[in-house]
């Protein structure tokens, strides 16, 4: 194992640690995950992992795998404490349906590169409800998971071999979506603080 692979492994471990913080806060009922988001966040990166592996990507796919494995754990844990329940609304289900549709389209194509783009679309549709929730109700979210998710995504760039689109696409997307979530939580918190002092 070379130094670059150690960096990727460090990112995966950091992502797992951030996920465990989120899981702990979910078990306590402090964080309320949107189940549509977290289920689809598990599925899409795991599909991108399989597609990347089938296209010859190796170490660069570990951060993508971790970005699917941790949400799967969060989704399962969200059923343990009823206080961590976030009421799903019509918009959540619409985003979930769009996310599923993107996965079905991937299943029809069977092309690794197309699969990666459909996985990104699926993950993106799944992210929208939580980005909105983070903005409107920042107290229901834990930013640590998104910070470590961002770090995990950034480490994948150290493992790229060809800098082809199949290696770059999902890590770039993960940087953008985690940055959006971090921004939504912090701006939402700032907005609430300002509203309290008016």
N, C-alpha and C. Protein backbone atom coordinates (compact mmCIF):
# COMPACT_ATOMS: atom_id res chain seq x y z
N UNK A 1 0.85 -1.18 0.00
CA UNK A 1 0.00 0.00 0.00
C UNK A 1 0.90 1.24 0.00
N UNK A 2 0.60 2.17 -0.92
CA UNK A 2 1.41 3.38 -0.97
C UNK A 2 0.76 4.52 -0.18
N UNK A 3 1.44 5.65 -0.12
CA UNK A 3 0.98 6.79 0.68
C UNK A 3 -0.39 7.29 0.23
N UNK A 4 -0.62 7.34 -1.08
CA UNK A 4 -1.90 7.83 -1.59
C UNK A 4 -3.05 6.93 -1.14
N UNK A 5 -2.81 5.63 -1.12
CA UNK A 5 -3.85 4.71 -0.66
C UNK A 5 -4.13 4.89 0.83
N UNK A 6 -3.10 5.21 1.59
CA UNK A 6 -3.30 5.50 3.02
C UNK A 6 -4.17 6.75 3.21
N UNK A 7 -3.98 7.74 2.35
CA UNK A 7 -4.80 8.96 2.43
C UNK A 7 -6.26 8.62 2.15
N UNK A 8 -6.50 7.79 1.14
CA UNK A 8 -7.87 7.38 0.82
C UNK A 8 -8.47 6.60 1.98
N UNK A 9 -7.67 5.72 2.57
CA UNK A 9 -8.14 4.94 3.72
C UNK A 9 -8.46 5.86 4.90
N UNK A 10 -7.63 6.87 5.11
CA UNK A 10 -7.89 7.86 6.17
C UNK A 10 -9.22 8.57 5.94
N UNK A 11 -9.50 8.93 4.69
CA UNK A 11 -10.77 9.57 4.36
C UNK A 11 -11.95 8.66 4.66
N UNK A 12 -11.81 7.38 4.33
CA UNK A 12 -12.88 6.42 4.59
C UNK A 12 -13.13 6.25 6.08
N UNK A 13 -12.04 6.20 6.86
CA UNK A 13 -12.17 6.08 8.32
C UNK A 13 -12.81 7.34 8.90
N UNK A 14 -12.41 8.51 8.41
CA UNK A 14 -13.01 9.77 8.88
C UNK A 14 -14.50 9.80 8.57
N UNK A 15 -14.87 9.35 7.37
CA UNK A 15 -16.28 9.30 6.99
C UNK A 15 -17.07 8.38 7.92
N UNK A 16 -16.48 7.26 8.25
CA UNK A 16 -17.12 6.32 9.17
C UNK A 16 -17.27 6.95 10.55
N UNK A 17 -16.25 7.67 11.00
CA UNK A 17 -16.32 8.34 12.31
C UNK A 17 -17.42 9.40 12.32
N UNK A 18 -17.51 10.21 11.26
CA UNK A 18 -18.58 11.20 11.17
C UNK A 18 -19.94 10.55 11.14
N UNK A 19 -20.02 9.42 10.46
CA UNK A 19 -21.28 8.66 10.42
C UNK A 19 -21.67 8.16 11.78
N UNK A 20 -20.69 7.72 12.56
CA UNK A 20 -21.00 7.23 13.91
C UNK A 20 -21.48 8.36 14.82
N UNK A 21 -20.95 9.58 14.63
CA UNK A 21 -21.46 10.73 15.39
C UNK A 21 -22.92 10.96 15.03
N UNK A 22 -23.23 10.92 13.74
CA UNK A 22 -24.60 11.11 13.27
C UNK A 22 -25.51 10.01 13.82
N UNK A 23 -25.02 8.78 13.80
CA UNK A 23 -25.80 7.64 14.32
C UNK A 23 -26.05 7.81 15.81
N UNK A 24 -25.02 8.21 16.55
CA UNK A 24 -25.17 8.41 18.00
C UNK A 24 -26.22 9.47 18.28
N UNK A 25 -26.17 10.58 17.55
CA UNK A 25 -27.15 11.65 17.75
C UNK A 25 -28.55 11.23 17.30
N UNK A 26 -28.62 10.36 16.31
CA UNK A 26 -29.92 9.82 15.88
C UNK A 26 -30.49 8.92 16.96
N UNK A 27 -29.65 8.07 17.54
CA UNK A 27 -30.11 7.18 18.62
C UNK A 27 -30.61 7.98 19.82
N UNK A 28 -30.01 9.13 20.07
CA UNK A 28 -30.44 10.00 21.18
C UNK A 28 -31.68 10.81 20.83
N UNK A 29 -32.06 10.84 19.57
CA UNK A 29 -33.21 11.63 19.14
C UNK A 29 -32.88 13.08 18.88
N UNK A 30 -31.59 13.43 18.85
CA UNK A 30 -31.17 14.81 18.62
C UNK A 30 -31.14 15.14 17.13
N UNK A 31 -30.81 14.15 16.33
CA UNK A 31 -30.78 14.29 14.88
C UNK A 31 -31.93 13.48 14.30
N UNK A 32 -32.60 14.04 13.30
CA UNK A 32 -33.76 13.39 12.71
C UNK A 32 -33.53 13.20 11.21
N UNK A 33 -32.95 12.07 10.83
CA UNK A 33 -32.65 11.86 9.41
C UNK A 33 -33.91 11.72 8.56
N UNK A 34 -33.85 12.25 7.36
CA UNK A 34 -34.91 12.05 6.39
C UNK A 34 -34.67 10.67 5.78
N UNK A 35 -35.57 9.73 6.01
CA UNK A 35 -35.34 8.34 5.60
C UNK A 35 -35.26 8.17 4.09
N UNK A 36 -36.01 8.96 3.34
CA UNK A 36 -35.92 8.89 1.88
C UNK A 36 -34.49 9.23 1.45
N UNK A 37 -33.98 10.33 1.98
CA UNK A 37 -32.62 10.75 1.64
C UNK A 37 -31.60 9.68 1.99
N UNK A 38 -31.63 9.21 3.23
CA UNK A 38 -30.58 8.30 3.69
C UNK A 38 -30.65 6.94 3.03
N UNK A 39 -31.84 6.45 2.71
CA UNK A 39 -31.94 5.17 1.99
C UNK A 39 -31.37 5.32 0.58
N UNK A 40 -31.79 6.38 -0.11
CA UNK A 40 -31.30 6.56 -1.47
C UNK A 40 -29.82 6.93 -1.49
N UNK A 41 -29.36 7.62 -0.44
CA UNK A 41 -27.93 7.89 -0.36
C UNK A 41 -27.13 6.60 -0.20
N UNK A 42 -27.73 5.59 0.36
CA UNK A 42 -27.05 4.31 0.47
C UNK A 42 -27.00 3.61 -0.88
N UNK A 43 -28.12 3.63 -1.59
CA UNK A 43 -28.23 2.85 -2.82
C UNK A 43 -27.37 3.41 -3.95
N UNK A 44 -27.49 4.71 -4.22
CA UNK A 44 -26.80 5.29 -5.37
C UNK A 44 -25.28 5.14 -5.32
N UNK A 45 -24.61 5.46 -4.20
CA UNK A 45 -23.15 5.28 -4.19
C UNK A 45 -22.73 3.81 -4.28
N UNK A 46 -23.55 2.92 -3.75
CA UNK A 46 -23.20 1.51 -3.85
C UNK A 46 -23.29 1.05 -5.31
N UNK A 47 -24.25 1.58 -6.05
CA UNK A 47 -24.32 1.29 -7.49
C UNK A 47 -23.12 1.90 -8.21
N UNK A 48 -22.77 3.13 -7.85
CA UNK A 48 -21.60 3.77 -8.46
C UNK A 48 -20.33 2.99 -8.15
N UNK A 49 -20.27 2.39 -6.96
CA UNK A 49 -19.13 1.56 -6.58
C UNK A 49 -19.02 0.36 -7.50
N UNK A 50 -20.13 -0.34 -7.69
CA UNK A 50 -20.14 -1.52 -8.57
C UNK A 50 -19.77 -1.11 -10.00
N UNK A 51 -20.35 0.02 -10.46
CA UNK A 51 -20.05 0.49 -11.82
C UNK A 51 -18.57 0.86 -11.96
N UNK A 52 -18.04 1.55 -10.95
CA UNK A 52 -16.62 1.92 -10.98
C UNK A 52 -15.71 0.71 -11.00
N UNK A 53 -16.04 -0.29 -10.17
CA UNK A 53 -15.24 -1.52 -10.14
C UNK A 53 -15.31 -2.24 -11.48
N UNK A 54 -16.49 -2.26 -12.09
CA UNK A 54 -16.63 -2.94 -13.38
C UNK A 54 -15.91 -2.18 -14.50
N UNK A 55 -15.62 -0.89 -14.26
CA UNK A 55 -14.90 -0.08 -15.24
C UNK A 55 -13.40 -0.04 -14.92
N UNK A 56 -12.96 -0.82 -13.92
CA UNK A 56 -11.54 -0.92 -13.60
C UNK A 56 -11.04 0.01 -12.52
N UNK A 57 -11.91 0.83 -11.94
CA UNK A 57 -11.50 1.74 -10.86
C UNK A 57 -11.28 0.91 -9.60
N UNK A 58 -10.22 1.19 -8.84
CA UNK A 58 -9.95 0.41 -7.63
C UNK A 58 -9.98 1.28 -6.38
N UNK A 59 -8.86 1.83 -5.95
CA UNK A 59 -8.80 2.56 -4.68
C UNK A 59 -9.67 3.81 -4.68
N UNK A 60 -9.81 4.43 -5.83
CA UNK A 60 -10.62 5.66 -5.90
C UNK A 60 -12.09 5.40 -5.58
N UNK A 61 -12.51 4.14 -5.63
CA UNK A 61 -13.91 3.81 -5.39
C UNK A 61 -14.22 3.65 -3.89
N UNK A 62 -13.20 3.53 -3.05
CA UNK A 62 -13.43 3.33 -1.61
C UNK A 62 -14.21 4.49 -0.98
N UNK A 63 -13.86 5.75 -1.24
CA UNK A 63 -14.67 6.84 -0.66
C UNK A 63 -16.12 6.81 -1.14
N UNK A 64 -16.32 6.41 -2.39
CA UNK A 64 -17.69 6.32 -2.91
C UNK A 64 -18.45 5.22 -2.18
N UNK A 65 -17.78 4.07 -1.97
CA UNK A 65 -18.41 2.98 -1.22
C UNK A 65 -18.79 3.44 0.18
N UNK A 66 -17.86 4.13 0.85
CA UNK A 66 -18.14 4.59 2.22
C UNK A 66 -19.29 5.58 2.24
N UNK A 67 -19.42 6.37 1.17
CA UNK A 67 -20.52 7.34 1.13
C UNK A 67 -21.86 6.64 0.93
N UNK A 68 -21.85 5.35 0.63
CA UNK A 68 -23.09 4.57 0.58
C UNK A 68 -23.29 3.71 1.81
N UNK A 69 -22.21 3.19 2.35
CA UNK A 69 -22.30 2.30 3.51
C UNK A 69 -22.76 3.04 4.76
N UNK A 70 -22.20 4.21 5.02
CA UNK A 70 -22.58 4.99 6.21
C UNK A 70 -24.06 5.37 6.18
N UNK A 71 -24.60 5.88 5.05
CA UNK A 71 -26.04 6.17 5.02
C UNK A 71 -26.92 4.94 5.25
N UNK A 72 -26.45 3.79 4.79
CA UNK A 72 -27.22 2.57 5.05
C UNK A 72 -27.34 2.33 6.55
N UNK A 73 -26.25 2.54 7.27
CA UNK A 73 -26.28 2.39 8.73
C UNK A 73 -27.22 3.43 9.36
N UNK A 74 -27.16 4.68 8.89
CA UNK A 74 -28.03 5.74 9.43
C UNK A 74 -29.49 5.39 9.18
N UNK A 75 -29.81 4.93 7.99
CA UNK A 75 -31.19 4.56 7.66
C UNK A 75 -31.71 3.49 8.61
N UNK A 76 -30.93 2.46 8.84
CA UNK A 76 -31.34 1.37 9.73
C UNK A 76 -31.54 1.89 11.15
N UNK A 77 -30.61 2.70 11.64
CA UNK A 77 -30.67 3.22 13.01
C UNK A 77 -31.84 4.19 13.20
N UNK A 78 -32.29 4.84 12.13
CA UNK A 78 -33.38 5.83 12.26
C UNK A 78 -34.69 5.20 12.73
N UNK A 79 -34.78 3.88 12.68
CA UNK A 79 -35.99 3.19 13.13
C UNK A 79 -35.93 2.83 14.62
N UNK A 80 -34.79 3.01 15.26
CA UNK A 80 -34.61 2.58 16.65
C UNK A 80 -35.30 3.51 17.64
N UNK A 81 -35.08 4.81 17.52
CA UNK A 81 -35.64 5.78 18.47
C UNK A 81 -36.77 6.57 17.79
N UNK A 82 -38.01 6.44 18.29
CA UNK A 82 -39.12 7.18 17.68
C UNK A 82 -38.92 8.70 17.71
N UNK A 83 -38.09 9.21 18.63
CA UNK A 83 -37.84 10.65 18.71
C UNK A 83 -36.97 11.14 17.55
N UNK A 84 -36.33 10.23 16.85
CA UNK A 84 -35.49 10.63 15.72
C UNK A 84 -36.26 10.60 14.41
N UNK A 85 -37.56 10.39 14.49
CA UNK A 85 -38.38 10.31 13.28
C UNK A 85 -38.60 11.69 12.68
N UNK A 86 -38.40 11.82 11.39
CA UNK A 86 -38.70 13.04 10.66
C UNK A 86 -39.87 12.74 9.73
N UNK A 87 -40.96 13.48 9.88
CA UNK A 87 -42.18 13.23 9.10
C UNK A 87 -41.92 13.53 7.63
N UNK A 88 -42.14 12.52 6.82
CA UNK A 88 -41.95 12.68 5.38
C UNK A 88 -43.19 13.32 4.77
N UNK A 89 -42.96 14.15 3.77
CA UNK A 89 -44.06 14.82 3.09
C UNK A 89 -44.04 14.45 1.61
N UNK A 90 -45.04 14.92 0.89
CA UNK A 90 -45.20 14.59 -0.53
C UNK A 90 -43.92 14.89 -1.32
N UNK A 91 -43.30 16.04 -1.05
CA UNK A 91 -42.08 16.42 -1.76
C UNK A 91 -40.97 15.39 -1.56
N UNK A 92 -40.85 14.85 -0.34
CA UNK A 92 -39.84 13.83 -0.06
C UNK A 92 -40.06 12.60 -0.93
N UNK A 93 -41.32 12.19 -1.03
CA UNK A 93 -41.65 11.01 -1.83
C UNK A 93 -41.43 11.26 -3.32
N UNK A 94 -41.71 12.48 -3.78
CA UNK A 94 -41.46 12.81 -5.19
C UNK A 94 -39.96 12.72 -5.48
N UNK A 95 -39.15 13.29 -4.59
CA UNK A 95 -37.69 13.20 -4.77
C UNK A 95 -37.23 11.75 -4.72
N UNK A 96 -37.80 10.97 -3.81
CA UNK A 96 -37.47 9.55 -3.73
C UNK A 96 -37.84 8.82 -5.01
N UNK A 97 -39.01 9.14 -5.58
CA UNK A 97 -39.44 8.50 -6.83
C UNK A 97 -38.51 8.86 -7.97
N UNK A 98 -38.09 10.12 -8.05
CA UNK A 98 -37.13 10.53 -9.08
C UNK A 98 -35.80 9.82 -8.89
N UNK A 99 -35.41 9.65 -7.65
CA UNK A 99 -34.17 8.94 -7.34
C UNK A 99 -34.26 7.49 -7.79
N UNK A 100 -35.39 6.85 -7.51
CA UNK A 100 -35.59 5.46 -7.93
C UNK A 100 -35.61 5.36 -9.46
N UNK A 101 -36.28 6.31 -10.11
CA UNK A 101 -36.34 6.32 -11.58
C UNK A 101 -34.94 6.38 -12.17
N UNK A 102 -34.07 7.19 -11.60
CA UNK A 102 -32.69 7.27 -12.09
C UNK A 102 -31.98 5.93 -11.95
N UNK A 103 -32.27 5.21 -10.86
CA UNK A 103 -31.66 3.89 -10.66
C UNK A 103 -32.20 2.88 -11.68
N UNK A 104 -33.49 2.96 -11.97
CA UNK A 104 -34.10 2.07 -12.96
C UNK A 104 -33.48 2.32 -14.33
N UNK A 105 -33.30 3.59 -14.67
CA UNK A 105 -32.68 3.92 -15.96
C UNK A 105 -31.26 3.36 -16.04
N UNK A 106 -30.54 3.38 -14.93
CA UNK A 106 -29.22 2.76 -14.92
C UNK A 106 -29.34 1.28 -15.21
N UNK A 107 -30.32 0.63 -14.57
CA UNK A 107 -30.50 -0.81 -14.76
C UNK A 107 -30.79 -1.17 -16.20
N UNK A 108 -31.43 -0.28 -16.92
CA UNK A 108 -31.75 -0.53 -18.32
C UNK A 108 -30.51 -0.39 -19.19
N UNK A 109 -29.64 0.57 -18.89
CA UNK A 109 -28.49 0.84 -19.75
C UNK A 109 -27.36 -0.16 -19.58
N UNK A 110 -27.05 -0.52 -18.37
CA UNK A 110 -25.95 -1.46 -18.07
C UNK A 110 -24.57 -0.96 -18.50
N UNK A 111 -24.46 0.31 -18.80
CA UNK A 111 -23.18 0.91 -19.19
C UNK A 111 -22.57 1.57 -17.96
N UNK A 112 -21.31 1.26 -17.60
CA UNK A 112 -20.71 1.81 -16.39
C UNK A 112 -20.72 3.34 -16.31
N UNK A 113 -20.35 4.03 -17.39
CA UNK A 113 -20.29 5.49 -17.35
C UNK A 113 -21.69 6.09 -17.20
N UNK A 114 -22.65 5.55 -17.93
CA UNK A 114 -24.03 6.01 -17.83
C UNK A 114 -24.56 5.72 -16.43
N UNK A 115 -24.18 4.57 -15.88
CA UNK A 115 -24.62 4.20 -14.53
C UNK A 115 -24.13 5.21 -13.50
N UNK A 116 -22.91 5.68 -13.66
CA UNK A 116 -22.37 6.66 -12.72
C UNK A 116 -23.19 7.95 -12.77
N UNK A 117 -23.54 8.40 -13.97
CA UNK A 117 -24.33 9.63 -14.07
C UNK A 117 -25.74 9.44 -13.52
N UNK A 118 -26.34 8.28 -13.76
CA UNK A 118 -27.66 8.03 -13.17
C UNK A 118 -27.56 7.91 -11.65
N UNK A 119 -26.47 7.35 -11.16
CA UNK A 119 -26.27 7.26 -9.71
C UNK A 119 -26.14 8.66 -9.10
N UNK A 120 -25.45 9.55 -9.80
CA UNK A 120 -25.33 10.94 -9.33
C UNK A 120 -26.71 11.61 -9.32
N UNK A 121 -27.48 11.40 -10.39
CA UNK A 121 -28.83 11.98 -10.44
C UNK A 121 -29.68 11.44 -9.31
N UNK A 122 -29.59 10.15 -9.07
CA UNK A 122 -30.36 9.52 -7.99
C UNK A 122 -29.98 10.10 -6.64
N UNK A 123 -28.69 10.19 -6.40
CA UNK A 123 -28.19 10.72 -5.13
C UNK A 123 -28.58 12.19 -4.98
N UNK A 124 -28.52 12.94 -6.06
CA UNK A 124 -28.88 14.36 -6.03
C UNK A 124 -30.34 14.57 -5.69
N UNK A 125 -31.23 13.80 -6.33
CA UNK A 125 -32.66 13.89 -6.00
C UNK A 125 -32.88 13.55 -4.53
N UNK A 126 -32.14 12.57 -4.04
CA UNK A 126 -32.28 12.16 -2.63
C UNK A 126 -31.79 13.25 -1.69
N UNK A 127 -30.80 14.02 -2.11
CA UNK A 127 -30.22 15.05 -1.25
C UNK A 127 -31.12 16.26 -1.06
N UNK A 128 -31.94 16.56 -2.05
CA UNK A 128 -32.74 17.79 -2.02
C UNK A 128 -33.58 17.93 -0.75
N UNK A 129 -34.34 16.88 -0.32
CA UNK A 129 -35.14 17.06 0.90
C UNK A 129 -34.31 17.39 2.13
N UNK A 130 -33.13 16.79 2.25
CA UNK A 130 -32.30 17.05 3.43
C UNK A 130 -31.62 18.41 3.34
N UNK A 131 -31.28 18.86 2.15
CA UNK A 131 -30.73 20.22 2.02
C UNK A 131 -31.78 21.23 2.46
N UNK A 132 -33.02 21.05 2.01
CA UNK A 132 -34.10 21.96 2.40
C UNK A 132 -34.37 21.87 3.90
N UNK A 133 -34.40 20.64 4.43
CA UNK A 133 -34.62 20.44 5.87
C UNK A 133 -33.50 21.08 6.68
N UNK A 134 -32.27 20.94 6.21
CA UNK A 134 -31.12 21.52 6.91
C UNK A 134 -31.22 23.04 6.97
N UNK A 135 -31.73 23.63 5.92
CA UNK A 135 -31.89 25.08 5.87
C UNK A 135 -33.01 25.55 6.79
N UNK A 136 -34.15 24.85 6.72
CA UNK A 136 -35.32 25.27 7.49
C UNK A 136 -35.28 24.82 8.95
N UNK A 137 -34.69 23.67 9.21
CA UNK A 137 -34.66 23.09 10.56
C UNK A 137 -33.24 22.59 10.87
N UNK A 138 -32.25 23.50 10.96
CA UNK A 138 -30.87 23.08 11.15
C UNK A 138 -30.64 22.32 12.46
N UNK A 139 -31.52 22.52 13.44
CA UNK A 139 -31.38 21.82 14.71
C UNK A 139 -31.68 20.33 14.59
N UNK A 140 -32.23 19.88 13.46
CA UNK A 140 -32.52 18.45 13.27
C UNK A 140 -31.39 17.74 12.54
N UNK A 141 -30.31 18.46 12.24
CA UNK A 141 -29.20 17.88 11.51
C UNK A 141 -27.90 17.97 12.29
N UNK A 142 -26.98 17.08 11.96
CA UNK A 142 -25.64 17.05 12.55
C UNK A 142 -24.64 17.27 11.42
N UNK A 143 -23.88 18.33 11.49
CA UNK A 143 -23.00 18.72 10.39
C UNK A 143 -21.74 17.85 10.29
N UNK A 144 -21.38 17.16 11.37
CA UNK A 144 -20.13 16.37 11.37
C UNK A 144 -20.10 15.33 10.25
N UNK A 145 -21.23 14.67 10.01
CA UNK A 145 -21.26 13.64 8.97
C UNK A 145 -20.97 14.24 7.60
N UNK A 146 -21.44 15.45 7.36
CA UNK A 146 -21.21 16.09 6.07
C UNK A 146 -19.78 16.60 5.95
N UNK A 147 -19.21 17.05 7.06
CA UNK A 147 -17.80 17.49 7.04
C UNK A 147 -16.87 16.32 6.75
N UNK A 148 -17.10 15.20 7.43
CA UNK A 148 -16.24 14.04 7.17
C UNK A 148 -16.54 13.44 5.80
N UNK A 149 -17.79 13.57 5.34
CA UNK A 149 -18.12 13.14 3.98
C UNK A 149 -17.37 13.96 2.95
N UNK A 150 -17.25 15.26 3.20
CA UNK A 150 -16.49 16.14 2.31
C UNK A 150 -15.01 15.75 2.31
N UNK A 151 -14.46 15.52 3.50
CA UNK A 151 -13.05 15.10 3.60
C UNK A 151 -12.84 13.78 2.86
N UNK A 152 -13.76 12.83 3.06
CA UNK A 152 -13.69 11.54 2.40
C UNK A 152 -13.69 11.71 0.88
N UNK A 153 -14.57 12.56 0.38
CA UNK A 153 -14.64 12.78 -1.07
C UNK A 153 -13.35 13.41 -1.60
N UNK A 154 -12.80 14.35 -0.85
CA UNK A 154 -11.56 15.01 -1.28
C UNK A 154 -10.39 14.03 -1.34
N UNK A 155 -10.36 13.06 -0.42
CA UNK A 155 -9.24 12.10 -0.43
C UNK A 155 -9.25 11.22 -1.67
N UNK A 156 -10.42 11.02 -2.26
CA UNK A 156 -10.47 10.14 -3.43
C UNK A 156 -9.66 10.69 -4.60
N UNK A 157 -9.46 12.00 -4.63
CA UNK A 157 -8.68 12.58 -5.73
C UNK A 157 -7.21 12.16 -5.68
N UNK A 158 -6.74 11.76 -4.50
CA UNK A 158 -5.35 11.29 -4.37
C UNK A 158 -5.16 9.91 -4.98
N UNK A 159 -6.24 9.18 -5.16
CA UNK A 159 -6.13 7.81 -5.65
C UNK A 159 -6.44 7.68 -7.14
N UNK A 160 -6.76 8.77 -7.79
CA UNK A 160 -7.10 8.69 -9.21
C UNK A 160 -5.89 8.27 -10.03
N UNK A 161 -6.15 7.40 -11.00
CA UNK A 161 -5.06 6.92 -11.85
C UNK A 161 -5.11 7.54 -13.24
N UNK A 162 -6.30 7.61 -13.82
CA UNK A 162 -6.41 8.08 -15.20
C UNK A 162 -7.07 9.45 -15.31
N UNK A 163 -7.68 9.91 -14.23
CA UNK A 163 -8.43 11.17 -14.23
C UNK A 163 -9.51 11.16 -15.32
N UNK A 164 -10.03 9.95 -15.57
CA UNK A 164 -11.14 9.82 -16.51
C UNK A 164 -12.45 10.20 -15.84
N UNK A 165 -13.46 10.37 -16.66
CA UNK A 165 -14.75 10.80 -16.14
C UNK A 165 -15.35 9.77 -15.18
N UNK A 166 -15.07 8.47 -15.42
CA UNK A 166 -15.63 7.45 -14.52
C UNK A 166 -15.01 7.53 -13.13
N UNK A 167 -13.76 8.03 -13.05
CA UNK A 167 -13.13 8.23 -11.74
C UNK A 167 -13.52 9.56 -11.11
N UNK A 168 -13.66 10.59 -11.91
CA UNK A 168 -13.87 11.95 -11.39
C UNK A 168 -15.31 12.29 -11.04
N UNK A 169 -16.26 11.76 -11.78
CA UNK A 169 -17.65 12.24 -11.70
C UNK A 169 -18.24 12.17 -10.30
N UNK A 170 -18.24 10.99 -9.69
CA UNK A 170 -18.91 10.87 -8.40
C UNK A 170 -18.16 11.60 -7.28
N UNK A 171 -16.82 11.54 -7.22
CA UNK A 171 -16.13 12.32 -6.19
C UNK A 171 -16.39 13.83 -6.31
N UNK A 172 -16.43 14.36 -7.53
CA UNK A 172 -16.74 15.79 -7.69
C UNK A 172 -18.14 16.07 -7.17
N UNK A 173 -19.08 15.22 -7.54
CA UNK A 173 -20.45 15.39 -7.05
C UNK A 173 -20.49 15.36 -5.52
N UNK A 174 -19.77 14.40 -4.90
CA UNK A 174 -19.78 14.28 -3.44
C UNK A 174 -19.21 15.53 -2.77
N UNK A 175 -18.19 16.13 -3.36
CA UNK A 175 -17.65 17.39 -2.82
C UNK A 175 -18.73 18.47 -2.87
N UNK A 176 -19.43 18.56 -3.98
CA UNK A 176 -20.46 19.59 -4.13
C UNK A 176 -21.64 19.38 -3.20
N UNK A 177 -22.13 18.14 -3.09
CA UNK A 177 -23.32 17.91 -2.26
C UNK A 177 -23.00 18.06 -0.77
N UNK A 178 -21.84 17.58 -0.33
CA UNK A 178 -21.48 17.74 1.08
C UNK A 178 -21.25 19.22 1.42
N UNK A 179 -20.64 19.96 0.50
CA UNK A 179 -20.46 21.40 0.72
C UNK A 179 -21.81 22.10 0.82
N UNK A 180 -22.76 21.70 -0.02
CA UNK A 180 -24.11 22.28 0.03
C UNK A 180 -24.79 21.99 1.35
N UNK A 181 -24.65 20.78 1.85
CA UNK A 181 -25.28 20.40 3.12
C UNK A 181 -24.66 21.16 4.29
N UNK A 182 -23.35 21.27 4.30
CA UNK A 182 -22.67 22.02 5.37
C UNK A 182 -23.13 23.47 5.34
N UNK A 183 -23.17 24.06 4.16
CA UNK A 183 -23.62 25.44 4.02
C UNK A 183 -25.06 25.61 4.48
N UNK A 184 -25.94 24.67 4.09
CA UNK A 184 -27.35 24.76 4.48
C UNK A 184 -27.52 24.71 5.99
N UNK A 185 -26.79 23.80 6.66
CA UNK A 185 -26.90 23.69 8.12
C UNK A 185 -26.42 24.97 8.78
N UNK A 186 -25.23 25.45 8.39
CA UNK A 186 -24.68 26.64 9.04
C UNK A 186 -25.47 27.91 8.72
N UNK A 187 -25.90 28.06 7.47
CA UNK A 187 -26.71 29.24 7.13
C UNK A 187 -28.06 29.17 7.84
N UNK A 188 -28.62 27.95 7.93
CA UNK A 188 -29.89 27.80 8.65
C UNK A 188 -29.75 28.15 10.12
N UNK A 189 -28.63 27.73 10.73
CA UNK A 189 -28.38 28.06 12.14
C UNK A 189 -28.20 29.57 12.31
N UNK A 190 -27.45 30.18 11.41
CA UNK A 190 -27.23 31.62 11.47
C UNK A 190 -28.54 32.38 11.30
N UNK A 191 -29.36 31.92 10.38
CA UNK A 191 -30.67 32.55 10.15
C UNK A 191 -31.53 32.50 11.41
N UNK A 192 -31.50 31.36 12.11
CA UNK A 192 -32.29 31.22 13.35
C UNK A 192 -31.77 32.15 14.44
N UNK A 193 -30.44 32.26 14.56
CA UNK A 193 -29.84 33.13 15.58
C UNK A 193 -30.23 34.58 15.30
N UNK A 194 -30.13 35.00 14.05
CA UNK A 194 -30.50 36.38 13.68
C UNK A 194 -31.97 36.63 13.99
N UNK A 195 -32.83 35.66 13.67
CA UNK A 195 -34.27 35.82 13.92
C UNK A 195 -34.57 35.96 15.41
N UNK A 196 -33.80 35.27 16.26
CA UNK A 196 -34.01 35.33 17.71
C UNK A 196 -33.65 36.70 18.29
N UNK A 197 -32.69 37.39 17.68
CA UNK A 197 -32.23 38.68 18.20
C UNK A 197 -32.96 39.87 17.59
N UNK A 198 -33.93 39.62 16.73
CA UNK A 198 -34.69 40.73 16.13
C UNK A 198 -35.80 41.16 17.04
